[in-house]
PDB file of N, CA and C in Angstrom:
ATOM      1  N   MET A   1      -2.736  -4.148  11.908  1.00  0.00           N
ATOM      2  CA  MET A   1      -2.127  -4.906  10.300  1.00  0.00           C
ATOM      3  C   MET A   1      -0.952  -4.179   9.598  1.00  0.00           C
ATOM      4  N   ILE A   2       0.088  -4.373   9.186  1.00  0.00           N
ATOM      5  CA  ILE A   2       1.345  -3.640   8.570  1.00  0.00           C
ATOM      6  C   ILE A   2       0.654  -4.161   6.855  1.00  0.00           C
ATOM      7  N   ALA A   3       0.673  -2.975   6.190  1.00  0.00           N
ATOM      8  CA  ALA A   3      -0.083  -1.837   5.072  1.00  0.00           C
ATOM      9  C   ALA A   3       1.372  -3.479   3.863  1.00  0.00           C
ATOM     10  N   LYS A   4       1.520  -3.600   3.168  1.00  0.00           N
ATOM     11  CA  LYS A   4       2.298  -4.872   2.144  1.00  0.00           C
ATOM     12  C   LYS A   4       2.367  -3.403   0.872  1.00  0.00           C
ATOM     13  N   TYR A   5       2.773  -3.295   0.264  1.00  0.00           N
ATOM     14  CA  TYR A   5       3.803  -2.147  -0.679  1.00  0.00           C
ATOM     15  C   TYR A   5       4.314  -3.096  -1.877  1.00  0.00           C
ATOM     16  N   THR A   6       4.213  -2.827  -2.803  1.00  0.00           N
ATOM     17  CA  THR A   6       4.510  -3.664  -3.896  1.00  0.00           C
ATOM     18  C   THR A   6       5.258  -2.536  -4.906  1.00  0.00           C
ATOM     19  N   THR A   7       5.897  -2.787  -6.471  1.00  0.00           N
ATOM     20  CA  THR A   7       6.770  -1.830  -7.438  1.00  0.00           C
ATOM     21  C   THR A   7       6.031  -2.029  -8.301  1.00  0.00           C
ATOM     22  N   ALA A   8       6.156  -1.289  -9.383  1.00  0.00           N
ATOM     23  CA  ALA A   8       5.869  -1.621 -10.677  1.00  0.00           C
ATOM     24  C   ALA A   8       6.298  -2.295 -10.901  1.00  0.00           C
ATOM     25  N   GLU A   9       8.187  -3.175 -11.242  1.00  0.00           N
ATOM     26  CA  GLU A   9       9.300  -3.773 -11.214  1.00  0.00           C
ATOM     27  C   GLU A   9       8.670  -4.490 -10.858  1.00  0.00           C
ATOM     28  N   GLY A  10       8.347  -4.600  -9.651  1.00  0.00           N
ATOM     29  CA  GLY A  10       8.011  -5.686  -8.896  1.00  0.00           C
ATOM     30  C   GLY A  10       6.207  -6.353  -9.885  1.00  0.00           C
ATOM     31  N   MET A  11       5.431  -5.895 -10.011  1.00  0.00           N
ATOM     32  CA  MET A  11       4.164  -5.823 -10.493  1.00  0.00           C
ATOM     33  C   MET A  11       4.332  -6.598 -11.742  1.00  0.00           C
ATOM     34  N   ALA A  12       5.249  -5.847 -12.935  1.00  0.00           N
ATOM     35  CA  ALA A  12       5.941  -5.967 -14.722  1.00  0.00           C
ATOM     36  C   ALA A  12       6.785  -7.538 -14.380  1.00  0.00           C
ATOM     37  N   ARG A  13       7.535  -8.329 -13.216  1.00  0.00           N
ATOM     38  CA  ARG A  13       7.847  -8.921 -13.370  1.00  0.00           C
ATOM     39  C   ARG A  13       7.218  -9.795 -12.768  1.00  0.00           C
ATOM     40  N   THR A  14       6.710  -9.727 -12.298  1.00  0.00           N
ATOM     41  CA  THR A  14       5.795 -11.435 -11.547  1.00  0.00           C
ATOM     42  C   THR A  14       4.501 -11.934 -13.073  1.00  0.00           C
ATOM     43  N   VAL A  15       4.041 -10.957 -14.046  1.00  0.00           N
ATOM     44  CA  VAL A  15       3.240 -11.313 -15.029  1.00  0.00           C
ATOM     45  C   VAL A  15       4.440 -11.019 -16.010  1.00  0.00           C
ATOM     46  N   GLY A  16       6.092 -11.055 -16.184  1.00  0.00           N
ATOM     47  CA  GLY A  16       6.914 -11.823 -17.872  1.00  0.00           C
ATOM     48  C   GLY A  16       6.708 -10.015 -19.301  1.00  0.00           C
ATOM     49  N   VAL A  17       6.537  -9.157 -17.357  1.00  0.00           N
ATOM     50  CA  VAL A  17       5.730  -7.655 -18.589  1.00  0.00           C
ATOM     51  C   VAL A  17       7.551  -6.848 -18.295  1.00  0.00           C
ATOM     52  N   ASP A  18       8.286  -6.504 -19.471  1.00  0.00           N
ATOM     53  CA  ASP A  18       9.386  -5.390 -19.803  1.00  0.00           C
ATOM     54  C   ASP A  18       9.087  -3.939 -18.360  1.00  0.00           C
ATOM     55  N   PRO A  19       9.459  -3.720 -16.502  1.00  0.00           N
ATOM     56  CA  PRO A  19       9.404  -2.952 -16.547  1.00  0.00           C
ATOM     57  C   PRO A  19       9.417  -1.436 -16.714  1.00  0.00           C
ATOM     58  N   ASN A  20      10.286  -1.378 -17.929  1.00  0.00           N
ATOM     59  CA  ASN A  20      10.524   0.371 -18.783  1.00  0.00           C
ATOM     60  C   ASN A  20       9.484  -0.351 -19.181  1.00  0.00           C
ATOM     61  N   THR A  21       8.796  -1.225 -19.592  1.00  0.00           N
ATOM     62  CA  THR A  21       7.572  -0.716 -20.861  1.00  0.00           C
ATOM     63  C   THR A  21       6.310  -0.927 -20.134  1.00  0.00           C
ATOM     64  N   PHE A  22       5.971  -0.741 -18.761  1.00  0.00           N
ATOM     65  CA  PHE A  22       4.624  -0.662 -17.275  1.00  0.00           C
ATOM     66  C   PHE A  22       5.341   0.549 -17.177  1.00  0.00           C
ATOM     67  N   ARG A  23       6.940   1.488 -17.042  1.00  0.00           N
ATOM     68  CA  ARG A  23       6.274   2.231 -16.630  1.00  0.00           C
ATOM     69  C   ARG A  23       6.027   3.498 -17.062  1.00  0.00           C
ATOM     70  N   GLU A  24       6.488   3.584 -18.932  1.00  0.00           N
ATOM     71  CA  GLU A  24       5.948   4.083 -20.062  1.00  0.00           C
ATOM     72  C   GLU A  24       4.852   4.240 -19.826  1.00  0.00           C
ATOM     73  N   ALA A  25       4.151   2.966 -19.981  1.00  0.00           N
ATOM     74  CA  ALA A  25       2.921   3.370 -20.139  1.00  0.00           C
ATOM     75  C   ALA A  25       2.312   4.067 -19.146  1.00  0.00           C
ATOM     76  N   LEU A  26       2.438   3.268 -17.850  1.00  0.00           N
ATOM     77  CA  LEU A  26       1.874   4.479 -16.095  1.00  0.00           C
ATOM     78  C   LEU A  26       2.156   6.264 -16.763  1.00  0.00           C
ATOM     79  N   ARG A  27       3.417   6.216 -17.418  1.00  0.00           N
ATOM     80  CA  ARG A  27       3.276   7.531 -17.737  1.00  0.00           C
ATOM     81  C   ARG A  27       2.784   8.457 -18.491  1.00  0.00           C
ATOM     82  N   ASN A  28       2.317   7.297 -19.779  1.00  0.00           N
ATOM     83  CA  ASN A  28       1.885   7.581 -20.263  1.00  0.00           C
ATOM     84  C   ASN A  28      -0.024   8.085 -20.879  1.00  0.00           C
ATOM     85  N   VAL A  29      -0.200   6.896 -18.889  1.00  0.00           N
ATOM     86  CA  VAL A  29      -1.778   7.303 -18.708  1.00  0.00           C
ATOM     87  C   VAL A  29      -2.087   8.487 -17.704  1.00  0.00           C
ATOM     88  N   LYS A  30      -0.140   9.008 -17.455  1.00  0.00           N
ATOM     89  CA  LYS A  30      -0.322  10.113 -16.437  1.00  0.00           C
ATOM     90  C   LYS A  30      -0.535   9.615 -15.476  1.00  0.00           C
ATOM     91  N   HIS A  31      -0.018   8.341 -14.759  1.00  0.00           N
ATOM     92  CA  HIS A  31      -0.459   7.720 -12.953  1.00  0.00           C
ATOM     93  C   HIS A  31      -0.142   8.041 -12.455  1.00  0.00           C
ATOM     94  N   PRO A  32      -0.467   9.341 -11.312  1.00  0.00           N
ATOM     95  CA  PRO A  32       0.234   9.891  -9.917  1.00  0.00           C
ATOM     96  C   PRO A  32       1.374   9.071  -9.601  1.00  0.00           C
ATOM     97  N   ARG A  33       2.681  10.089  -9.494  1.00  0.00           N
ATOM     98  CA  ARG A  33       3.682   9.148  -8.201  1.00  0.00           C
ATOM     99  C   ARG A  33       4.114  10.842  -8.257  1.00  0.00           C
ATOM    100  N   LYS A  34       4.889  10.384  -7.442  1.00  0.00           N
ATOM    101  CA  LYS A  34       5.790  11.580  -7.129  1.00  0.00           C
ATOM    102  C   LYS A  34       7.565  11.465  -7.479  1.00  0.00           C
ATOM    103  N   ARG A  35       7.672  12.749  -8.495  1.00  0.00           N
ATOM    104  CA  ARG A  35       8.322  12.791  -9.350  1.00  0.00           C
ATOM    105  C   ARG A  35       9.887  12.668  -8.010  1.00  0.00           C
ATOM    106  N   ASN A  36      10.739  12.009  -9.375  1.00  0.00           N
ATOM    107  CA  ASN A  36      11.850  11.132  -8.957  1.00  0.00           C
ATOM    108  C   ASN A  36      11.482   9.912  -8.096  1.00  0.00           C
ATOM    109  N   THR A  37      10.754   9.110  -7.724  1.00  0.00           N
ATOM    110  CA  THR A  37      10.652   7.832  -7.162  1.00  0.00           C
ATOM    111  C   THR A  37      10.356   7.102  -7.317  1.00  0.00           C
ATOM    112  N   ASP A  38      10.869   5.618  -7.249  1.00  0.00           N
ATOM    113  CA  ASP A  38       9.642   4.374  -7.385  1.00  0.00           C
ATOM    114  C   ASP A  38       8.588   4.274  -8.039  1.00  0.00           C
ATOM    115  N   TRP A  39       7.909   4.067  -8.330  1.00  0.00           N
ATOM    116  CA  TRP A  39       6.517   3.692  -8.404  1.00  0.00           C
ATOM    117  C   TRP A  39       6.206   2.403  -7.068  1.00  0.00           C
ATOM    118  N   GLU A  40       6.088   3.043  -5.959  1.00  0.00           N
ATOM    119  CA  GLU A  40       6.232   2.086  -5.341  1.00  0.00           C
ATOM    120  C   GLU A  40       3.628   2.332  -4.753  1.00  0.00           C
ATOM    121  N   VAL A  41       3.347   1.718  -4.290  1.00  0.00           N
ATOM    122  CA  VAL A  41       2.004   2.053  -4.236  1.00  0.00           C
ATOM    123  C   VAL A  41       1.422   0.561  -2.974  1.00  0.00           C
ATOM    124  N   LYS A  42       1.321   1.357  -2.375  1.00  0.00           N
ATOM    125  CA  LYS A  42      -0.197  -0.591  -1.273  1.00  0.00           C
ATOM    126  C   LYS A  42      -0.545  -1.215  -2.158  1.00  0.00           C
ATOM    127  N   ILE A  43      -0.366  -1.872  -1.612  1.00  0.00           N
ATOM    128  CA  ILE A  43      -1.714  -3.342  -2.442  1.00  0.00           C
ATOM    129  C   ILE A  43      -2.691  -3.011  -1.670  1.00  0.00           C
ATOM    130  N   ASP A  44      -3.699  -3.407  -2.232  1.00  0.00           N
ATOM    131  CA  ASP A  44      -5.177  -2.997  -2.496  1.00  0.00           C
ATOM    132  C   ASP A  44      -5.841  -1.261  -2.881  1.00  0.00           C
ATOM    133  N   SER A  45      -5.166  -0.029  -2.958  1.00  0.00           N
ATOM    134  CA  SER A  45      -5.232   0.960  -2.540  1.00  0.00           C
ATOM    135  C   SER A  45      -6.038   1.122  -4.163  1.00  0.00           C
ATOM    136  N   PRO A  46      -6.497   2.126  -4.534  1.00  0.00           N
ATOM    137  CA  PRO A  46      -7.234   2.603  -5.306  1.00  0.00           C
ATOM    138  C   PRO A  46      -5.445   3.124  -6.793  1.00  0.00           C
ATOM    139  N   SER A  47      -4.329   3.810  -6.080  1.00  0.00           N
ATOM    140  CA  SER A  47      -3.112   3.908  -7.024  1.00  0.00           C
ATOM    141  C   SER A  47      -2.433   1.927  -7.948  1.00  0.00           C
ATOM    142  N   TYR A  48      -3.096   1.003  -6.450  1.00  0.00           N
ATOM    143  CA  TYR A  48      -2.293   0.563  -7.040  1.00  0.00           C
ATOM    144  C   TYR A  48      -3.708  -0.701  -8.149  1.00  0.00           C
ATOM    145  N   SER A  49      -5.020  -0.291  -7.492  1.00  0.00           N
ATOM    146  CA  SER A  49      -5.974  -0.797  -8.516  1.00  0.00           C
ATOM    147  C   SER A  49      -5.964  -0.048 -10.778  1.00  0.00           C
ATOM    148  N   GLY A  50      -5.039   1.040 -10.236  1.00  0.00           N
ATOM    149  CA  GLY A  50      -5.097   1.749 -11.031  1.00  0.00           C
ATOM    150  C   GLY A  50      -4.127   1.159 -12.380  1.00  0.00           C
ATOM    151  N   MET A  51      -2.669   1.326 -11.306  1.00  0.00           N
ATOM    152  CA  MET A  51      -2.029   0.266 -12.489  1.00  0.00           C
ATOM    153  C   MET A  51      -1.928  -1.381 -12.368  1.00  0.00           C
ATOM    154  N   ARG A  52      -2.911  -1.911 -11.513  1.00  0.00           N
ATOM    155  CA  ARG A  52      -3.216  -2.580 -12.100  1.00  0.00           C
ATOM    156  C   ARG A  52      -3.632  -3.431 -13.151  1.00  0.00           C
ATOM    157  N   THR A  53      -5.248  -1.925 -13.850  1.00  0.00           N
ATOM    158  CA  THR A  53      -5.738  -1.807 -15.667  1.00  0.00           C
ATOM    159  C   THR A  53      -4.175  -2.041 -16.619  1.00  0.00           C
ATOM    160  N   VAL A  54      -2.927  -0.018 -16.124  1.00  0.00           N
ATOM    161  CA  VAL A  54      -2.214  -0.438 -16.837  1.00  0.00           C
ATOM    162  C   VAL A  54      -1.661  -2.246 -17.375  1.00  0.00           C
ATOM    163  N   LEU A  55      -1.258  -2.024 -16.097  1.00  0.00           N
ATOM    164  CA  LEU A  55      -0.923  -3.686 -17.087  1.00  0.00           C
ATOM    165  C   LEU A  55      -1.410  -4.867 -17.502  1.00  0.00           C
ATOM    166  N   ALA A  56      -2.719  -4.713 -17.291  1.00  0.00           N
ATOM    167  CA  ALA A  56      -3.522  -5.512 -17.552  1.00  0.00           C
ATOM    168  C   ALA A  56      -3.641  -5.525 -19.223  1.00  0.00           C
ATOM    169  N   SER A  57      -3.513  -3.828 -19.368  1.00  0.00           N
ATOM    170  CA  SER A  57      -4.420  -3.542 -20.674  1.00  0.00           C
ATOM    171  C   SER A  57      -3.198  -4.253 -21.627  1.00  0.00           C
ATOM    172  N   LEU A  58      -1.396  -3.880 -21.092  1.00  0.00           N
ATOM    173  CA  LEU A  58      -0.140  -4.408 -21.481  1.00  0.00           C
ATOM    174  C   LEU A  58       0.055  -6.199 -21.896  1.00  0.00           C
ATOM    175  N   LEU A  59      -0.606  -6.679 -21.473  1.00  0.00           N
ATOM    176  CA  LEU A  59      -0.912  -8.299 -21.004  1.00  0.00           C
ATOM    177  C   LEU A  59      -1.676  -8.788 -22.354  1.00  0.00           C
ATOM    178  N   ARG A  60      -2.837  -8.453 -22.841  1.00  0.00           N
ATOM    179  CA  ARG A  60      -3.424  -8.132 -22.936  1.00  0.00           C
ATOM    180  C   ARG A  60      -2.653  -7.802 -24.975  1.00  0.00           C
ATOM    181  N   ARG A  61      -2.317  -6.448 -25.105  1.00  0.00           N
ATOM    182  CA  ARG A  61      -1.745  -5.795 -26.198  1.00  0.00           C
ATOM    183  C   ARG A  61      -0.876  -7.316 -26.737  1.00  0.00           C
ATOM    184  N   LYS A  62       0.669  -7.756 -25.261  1.00  0.00           N
ATOM    185  CA  LYS A  62       1.133  -9.297 -25.817  1.00  0.00           C
ATOM    186  C   LYS A  62       0.333 -10.136 -26.591  1.00  0.00           C
ATOM    187  N   ALA A  63      -0.837 -10.927 -25.408  1.00  0.00           N
ATOM    188  CA  ALA A  63      -1.220 -11.337 -26.165  1.00  0.00           C
ATOM    189  C   ALA A  63      -1.551 -11.711 -27.670  1.00  0.00           C
ATOM    190  N   ALA A  64      -1.715 -10.679 -27.911  1.00  0.00           N
ATOM    191  CA  ALA A  64      -2.767 -10.845 -29.520  1.00  0.00           C
ATOM    192  C   ALA A  64      -1.839 -10.994 -30.122  1.00  0.00           C
TER     193      ALA A  64
END
């Protein structure tokens, strides 16, 4: 089976969040990534789960 990947930009745009805001939130929580690379993660990985948690917190703030 071929692993599927996504990026922070793709995740943010899918739910209507500004990608820059999402990446800033990821940096604020010190989400790990290789320096000077895209925020690309394997779907269903622990890193993907962490990014979804940060994105959900942004959505909760946006809805309030």
